[in-house]
Amino acid sequence: MATILSIITALVVGGSGVYDFMNPPQTVQLMHDLGYKPGFHRTLGIIKLAGAIGLLLGLQALNLGLLASIGLVAYFGLAVRAHRKLAHETNEFIPAIALLALSAITFLALLFS
């Protein structure tokens, strides 16, 4: 189960990371609203891609998968916090909540496998 969750999470997070390089308007606006410099959303994409790669490499080295998954939990936890800080409606950050939940479930599956 942990292997399947790791692969699914890596694919979803990796896709989200690639999407960040396409200058999605909502992400660019969020970074602007939080006071980050233009282009910072690409850094977020790099972090997501690193987490996805870590999960895939973690299929061979369990500790790396655990570290990647806990990093993604922290990342998406902070993403949810950023949306709440800006008083966004819940429907605006459902993807961040869903990815937080997926990352947390993956972490728990890896931890107890």
N, C-alpha and C. Protein backbone atom coordinates (compact mmCIF):
# COMPACT_ATOMS: atom_id res chain seq x y z
N MET A 1 0.82 -1.20 0.00
CA MET A 1 0.00 0.00 0.00
C MET A 1 0.86 1.26 0.00
N ALA A 2 1.96 1.24 0.77
CA ALA A 2 2.84 2.41 0.84
C ALA A 2 3.46 2.70 -0.52
N THR A 3 3.78 1.65 -1.26
CA THR A 3 4.38 1.84 -2.59
C THR A 3 3.40 2.51 -3.53
N ILE A 4 2.17 2.04 -3.53
CA ILE A 4 1.15 2.61 -4.40
C ILE A 4 0.89 4.07 -4.03
N LEU A 5 0.76 4.35 -2.74
CA LEU A 5 0.54 5.73 -2.30
C LEU A 5 1.72 6.63 -2.66
N SER A 6 2.93 6.11 -2.53
CA SER A 6 4.11 6.90 -2.88
C SER A 6 4.10 7.26 -4.36
N ILE A 7 3.76 6.30 -5.20
CA ILE A 7 3.73 6.55 -6.64
C ILE A 7 2.63 7.55 -6.99
N ILE A 8 1.44 7.36 -6.43
CA ILE A 8 0.33 8.27 -6.70
C ILE A 8 0.68 9.68 -6.24
N THR A 9 1.20 9.80 -5.03
CA THR A 9 1.55 11.11 -4.49
C THR A 9 2.64 11.76 -5.34
N ALA A 10 3.64 10.99 -5.73
CA ALA A 10 4.73 11.52 -6.56
C ALA A 10 4.19 12.03 -7.90
N LEU A 11 3.27 11.30 -8.51
CA LEU A 11 2.71 11.73 -9.79
C LEU A 11 1.88 13.01 -9.65
N VAL A 12 1.06 13.05 -8.62
CA VAL A 12 0.20 14.23 -8.43
C VAL A 12 1.04 15.46 -8.05
N VAL A 13 1.94 15.29 -7.11
CA VAL A 13 2.78 16.42 -6.68
C VAL A 13 3.73 16.84 -7.79
N GLY A 14 4.27 15.86 -8.50
CA GLY A 14 5.15 16.18 -9.63
C GLY A 14 4.41 16.96 -10.70
N GLY A 15 3.19 16.55 -11.00
CA GLY A 15 2.37 17.29 -11.96
C GLY A 15 2.09 18.71 -11.49
N SER A 16 1.84 18.85 -10.21
CA SER A 16 1.61 20.18 -9.64
C SER A 16 2.88 21.03 -9.73
N GLY A 17 4.02 20.39 -9.53
CA GLY A 17 5.29 21.11 -9.64
C GLY A 17 5.56 21.59 -11.05
N VAL A 18 5.28 20.73 -12.03
CA VAL A 18 5.44 21.13 -13.43
C VAL A 18 4.49 22.27 -13.76
N TYR A 19 3.28 22.19 -13.25
CA TYR A 19 2.28 23.24 -13.49
C TYR A 19 2.76 24.60 -12.97
N ASP A 20 3.50 24.60 -11.88
CA ASP A 20 4.00 25.87 -11.33
C ASP A 20 4.94 26.59 -12.29
N PHE A 21 5.55 25.86 -13.22
CA PHE A 21 6.43 26.48 -14.21
C PHE A 21 5.66 27.09 -15.38
N MET A 22 4.35 26.90 -15.40
CA MET A 22 3.51 27.42 -16.48
C MET A 22 2.86 28.75 -16.09
N ASN A 23 3.33 29.36 -15.03
CA ASN A 23 2.83 30.65 -14.55
C ASN A 23 1.32 30.65 -14.31
N PRO A 24 0.83 29.73 -13.47
CA PRO A 24 -0.61 29.72 -13.21
C PRO A 24 -1.02 31.01 -12.50
N PRO A 25 -2.03 31.70 -13.02
CA PRO A 25 -2.42 33.00 -12.49
C PRO A 25 -2.72 33.00 -10.99
N GLN A 26 -3.41 31.96 -10.51
CA GLN A 26 -3.76 31.96 -9.09
C GLN A 26 -2.52 31.82 -8.20
N THR A 27 -1.54 31.06 -8.63
CA THR A 27 -0.32 30.90 -7.84
C THR A 27 0.52 32.18 -7.89
N VAL A 28 0.63 32.77 -9.08
CA VAL A 28 1.37 34.02 -9.22
C VAL A 28 0.74 35.10 -8.34
N GLN A 29 -0.59 35.17 -8.35
CA GLN A 29 -1.30 36.16 -7.53
C GLN A 29 -1.10 35.89 -6.04
N LEU A 30 -1.16 34.62 -5.65
CA LEU A 30 -0.96 34.27 -4.24
C LEU A 30 0.42 34.71 -3.77
N MET A 31 1.44 34.45 -4.58
CA MET A 31 2.80 34.84 -4.20
C MET A 31 2.92 36.36 -4.10
N HIS A 32 2.26 37.06 -5.02
CA HIS A 32 2.27 38.52 -4.98
C HIS A 32 1.58 39.02 -3.71
N ASP A 33 0.43 38.43 -3.39
CA ASP A 33 -0.32 38.84 -2.20
C ASP A 33 0.45 38.57 -0.92
N LEU A 34 1.30 37.55 -0.93
CA LEU A 34 2.10 37.22 0.25
C LEU A 34 3.39 38.04 0.31
N GLY A 35 3.66 38.82 -0.73
CA GLY A 35 4.81 39.70 -0.73
C GLY A 35 6.08 39.08 -1.30
N TYR A 36 5.97 37.98 -2.02
CA TYR A 36 7.15 37.36 -2.62
C TYR A 36 7.46 38.02 -3.96
N LYS A 37 8.72 37.93 -4.37
CA LYS A 37 9.15 38.51 -5.63
C LYS A 37 8.55 37.73 -6.80
N PRO A 38 8.38 38.40 -7.94
CA PRO A 38 7.88 37.70 -9.13
C PRO A 38 8.79 36.51 -9.47
N GLY A 39 8.19 35.43 -9.87
CA GLY A 39 8.95 34.24 -10.22
C GLY A 39 9.16 33.27 -9.07
N PHE A 40 8.75 33.65 -7.85
CA PHE A 40 8.96 32.77 -6.70
C PHE A 40 8.18 31.47 -6.84
N HIS A 41 7.09 31.49 -7.60
CA HIS A 41 6.29 30.29 -7.78
C HIS A 41 7.12 29.16 -8.42
N ARG A 42 8.16 29.51 -9.17
CA ARG A 42 9.02 28.48 -9.74
C ARG A 42 9.79 27.74 -8.64
N THR A 43 10.15 28.46 -7.60
CA THR A 43 10.81 27.82 -6.45
C THR A 43 9.88 26.80 -5.82
N LEU A 44 8.61 27.13 -5.75
CA LEU A 44 7.63 26.19 -5.22
C LEU A 44 7.55 24.94 -6.10
N GLY A 45 7.63 25.14 -7.41
CA GLY A 45 7.63 24.02 -8.34
C GLY A 45 8.84 23.12 -8.13
N ILE A 46 9.99 23.72 -7.88
CA ILE A 46 11.21 22.94 -7.64
C ILE A 46 11.06 22.12 -6.36
N ILE A 47 10.48 22.73 -5.33
CA ILE A 47 10.28 22.01 -4.07
C ILE A 47 9.36 20.81 -4.27
N LYS A 48 8.27 21.02 -5.01
CA LYS A 48 7.34 19.93 -5.27
C LYS A 48 8.01 18.82 -6.08
N LEU A 49 8.77 19.19 -7.10
CA LEU A 49 9.45 18.18 -7.91
C LEU A 49 10.47 17.41 -7.08
N ALA A 50 11.16 18.11 -6.19
CA ALA A 50 12.12 17.43 -5.31
C ALA A 50 11.41 16.43 -4.41
N GLY A 51 10.25 16.81 -3.89
CA GLY A 51 9.47 15.90 -3.06
C GLY A 51 9.00 14.68 -3.84
N ALA A 52 8.55 14.90 -5.08
CA ALA A 52 8.10 13.79 -5.92
C ALA A 52 9.25 12.84 -6.23
N ILE A 53 10.40 13.39 -6.57
CA ILE A 53 11.57 12.56 -6.86
C ILE A 53 12.00 11.81 -5.60
N GLY A 54 11.96 12.49 -4.46
CA GLY A 54 12.31 11.84 -3.20
C GLY A 54 11.40 10.66 -2.89
N LEU A 55 10.11 10.82 -3.18
CA LEU A 55 9.18 9.71 -2.95
C LEU A 55 9.50 8.52 -3.86
N LEU A 56 9.82 8.82 -5.11
CA LEU A 56 10.15 7.73 -6.05
C LEU A 56 11.46 7.05 -5.68
N LEU A 57 12.46 7.83 -5.32
CA LEU A 57 13.73 7.24 -4.88
C LEU A 57 13.54 6.50 -3.56
N GLY A 58 12.57 6.95 -2.78
CA GLY A 58 12.27 6.31 -1.51
C GLY A 58 11.69 4.92 -1.65
N LEU A 59 11.31 4.55 -2.86
CA LEU A 59 10.85 3.19 -3.09
C LEU A 59 12.00 2.20 -2.89
N GLN A 60 13.23 2.69 -3.06
CA GLN A 60 14.41 1.86 -2.85
C GLN A 60 15.06 2.12 -1.49
N ALA A 61 14.92 3.33 -0.98
CA ALA A 61 15.51 3.70 0.30
C ALA A 61 14.40 4.30 1.17
N LEU A 62 13.84 3.51 2.06
CA LEU A 62 12.66 3.91 2.82
C LEU A 62 12.84 5.25 3.54
N ASN A 63 14.01 5.46 4.12
CA ASN A 63 14.21 6.71 4.87
C ASN A 63 14.05 7.94 3.98
N LEU A 64 14.49 7.85 2.74
CA LEU A 64 14.34 8.98 1.82
C LEU A 64 12.87 9.24 1.53
N GLY A 65 12.09 8.20 1.37
CA GLY A 65 10.66 8.36 1.15
C GLY A 65 9.97 9.00 2.35
N LEU A 66 10.38 8.59 3.53
CA LEU A 66 9.81 9.20 4.75
C LEU A 66 10.15 10.68 4.82
N LEU A 67 11.41 11.01 4.54
CA LEU A 67 11.82 12.42 4.58
C LEU A 67 11.08 13.24 3.52
N ALA A 68 10.95 12.68 2.33
CA ALA A 68 10.23 13.40 1.26
C ALA A 68 8.77 13.61 1.64
N SER A 69 8.14 12.58 2.20
CA SER A 69 6.72 12.71 2.53
C SER A 69 6.50 13.69 3.68
N ILE A 70 7.37 13.69 4.67
CA ILE A 70 7.19 14.66 5.76
C ILE A 70 7.49 16.07 5.27
N GLY A 71 8.40 16.20 4.32
CA GLY A 71 8.65 17.50 3.71
C GLY A 71 7.43 18.01 2.96
N LEU A 72 6.76 17.11 2.26
CA LEU A 72 5.55 17.50 1.55
C LEU A 72 4.41 17.84 2.50
N VAL A 73 4.32 17.13 3.61
CA VAL A 73 3.31 17.47 4.63
C VAL A 73 3.56 18.89 5.13
N ALA A 74 4.81 19.20 5.42
CA ALA A 74 5.14 20.55 5.88
C ALA A 74 4.84 21.59 4.80
N TYR A 75 5.22 21.29 3.57
CA TYR A 75 5.00 22.21 2.46
C TYR A 75 3.52 22.53 2.30
N PHE A 76 2.70 21.48 2.21
CA PHE A 76 1.28 21.72 1.98
C PHE A 76 0.58 22.26 3.22
N GLY A 77 1.09 21.96 4.40
CA GLY A 77 0.57 22.58 5.61
C GLY A 77 0.80 24.09 5.57
N LEU A 78 1.98 24.48 5.13
CA LEU A 78 2.28 25.91 5.00
C LEU A 78 1.46 26.55 3.89
N ALA A 79 1.17 25.79 2.84
CA ALA A 79 0.33 26.32 1.75
C ALA A 79 -1.08 26.61 2.25
N VAL A 80 -1.62 25.68 3.03
CA VAL A 80 -2.96 25.90 3.61
C VAL A 80 -2.92 27.12 4.53
N ARG A 81 -1.87 27.21 5.32
CA ARG A 81 -1.72 28.37 6.23
C ARG A 81 -1.68 29.68 5.45
N ALA A 82 -0.97 29.70 4.32
CA ALA A 82 -0.86 30.91 3.51
C ALA A 82 -2.24 31.32 2.98
N HIS A 83 -3.01 30.36 2.52
CA HIS A 83 -4.36 30.67 2.04
C HIS A 83 -5.24 31.21 3.16
N ARG A 84 -5.12 30.59 4.32
CA ARG A 84 -5.94 31.06 5.45
C ARG A 84 -5.51 32.45 5.90
N LYS A 85 -4.21 32.71 5.85
CA LYS A 85 -3.69 34.02 6.24
C LYS A 85 -4.30 35.12 5.37
N LEU A 86 -4.52 34.80 4.10
CA LEU A 86 -5.10 35.77 3.18
C LEU A 86 -6.62 35.72 3.17
N ALA A 87 -7.19 34.94 4.08
CA ALA A 87 -8.65 34.82 4.24
C ALA A 87 -9.34 34.38 2.97
N HIS A 88 -8.71 33.46 2.25
CA HIS A 88 -9.35 32.89 1.06
C HIS A 88 -10.50 31.99 1.47
N GLU A 89 -11.45 31.88 0.58
CA GLU A 89 -12.56 30.95 0.79
C GLU A 89 -11.99 29.53 0.74
N THR A 90 -12.59 28.63 1.48
CA THR A 90 -12.09 27.25 1.53
C THR A 90 -12.03 26.61 0.15
N ASN A 91 -12.99 26.90 -0.71
CA ASN A 91 -12.98 26.29 -2.04
C ASN A 91 -11.79 26.74 -2.88
N GLU A 92 -11.14 27.83 -2.51
CA GLU A 92 -9.97 28.31 -3.24
C GLU A 92 -8.72 27.49 -2.93
N PHE A 93 -8.69 26.83 -1.79
CA PHE A 93 -7.50 26.07 -1.47
C PHE A 93 -7.77 24.60 -1.17
N ILE A 94 -8.85 24.09 -1.74
CA ILE A 94 -9.13 22.66 -1.63
C ILE A 94 -7.99 21.82 -2.19
N PRO A 95 -7.36 22.21 -3.33
CA PRO A 95 -6.24 21.40 -3.81
C PRO A 95 -5.10 21.30 -2.78
N ALA A 96 -4.80 22.37 -2.09
CA ALA A 96 -3.74 22.34 -1.07
C ALA A 96 -4.14 21.42 0.08
N ILE A 97 -5.40 21.46 0.47
CA ILE A 97 -5.88 20.59 1.54
C ILE A 97 -5.81 19.13 1.11
N ALA A 98 -6.23 18.87 -0.13
CA ALA A 98 -6.21 17.49 -0.64
C ALA A 98 -4.77 16.96 -0.72
N LEU A 99 -3.85 17.78 -1.18
CA LEU A 99 -2.45 17.34 -1.28
C LEU A 99 -1.82 17.20 0.11
N LEU A 100 -2.24 18.01 1.05
CA LEU A 100 -1.80 17.84 2.43
C LEU A 100 -2.27 16.49 2.96
N ALA A 101 -3.52 16.17 2.74
CA ALA A 101 -4.07 14.89 3.21
C ALA A 101 -3.37 13.71 2.53
N LEU A 102 -3.19 13.79 1.22
CA LEU A 102 -2.52 12.72 0.48
C LEU A 102 -1.09 12.53 0.98
N SER A 103 -0.38 13.62 1.20
CA SER A 103 1.00 13.54 1.69
C SER A 103 1.04 12.95 3.10
N ALA A 104 0.09 13.33 3.93
CA ALA A 104 0.05 12.81 5.30
C ALA A 104 -0.27 11.31 5.31
N ILE A 105 -1.20 10.88 4.49
CA ILE A 105 -1.53 9.46 4.41
C ILE A 105 -0.34 8.67 3.88
N THR A 106 0.35 9.23 2.91
CA THR A 106 1.55 8.57 2.37
C THR A 106 2.62 8.45 3.45
N PHE A 107 2.82 9.53 4.20
CA PHE A 107 3.80 9.48 5.29
C PHE A 107 3.45 8.38 6.30
N LEU A 108 2.20 8.34 6.70
CA LEU A 108 1.78 7.32 7.68
C LEU A 108 1.93 5.90 7.13
N ALA A 109 1.59 5.73 5.86
CA ALA A 109 1.75 4.41 5.24
C ALA A 109 3.21 3.99 5.20
N LEU A 110 4.10 4.93 4.87
CA LEU A 110 5.53 4.63 4.85
C LEU A 110 6.05 4.36 6.26
N LEU A 111 5.58 5.13 7.19
CA LEU A 111 6.04 5.00 8.58
C LEU A 111 5.69 3.63 9.14
N PHE A 112 4.51 3.15 8.83
CA PHE A 112 4.05 1.89 9.40
C PHE A 112 4.20 0.68 8.47
N SER A 113 4.95 0.86 7.38
CA SER A 113 5.15 -0.28 6.48
C SER A 113 6.38 -1.09 6.87
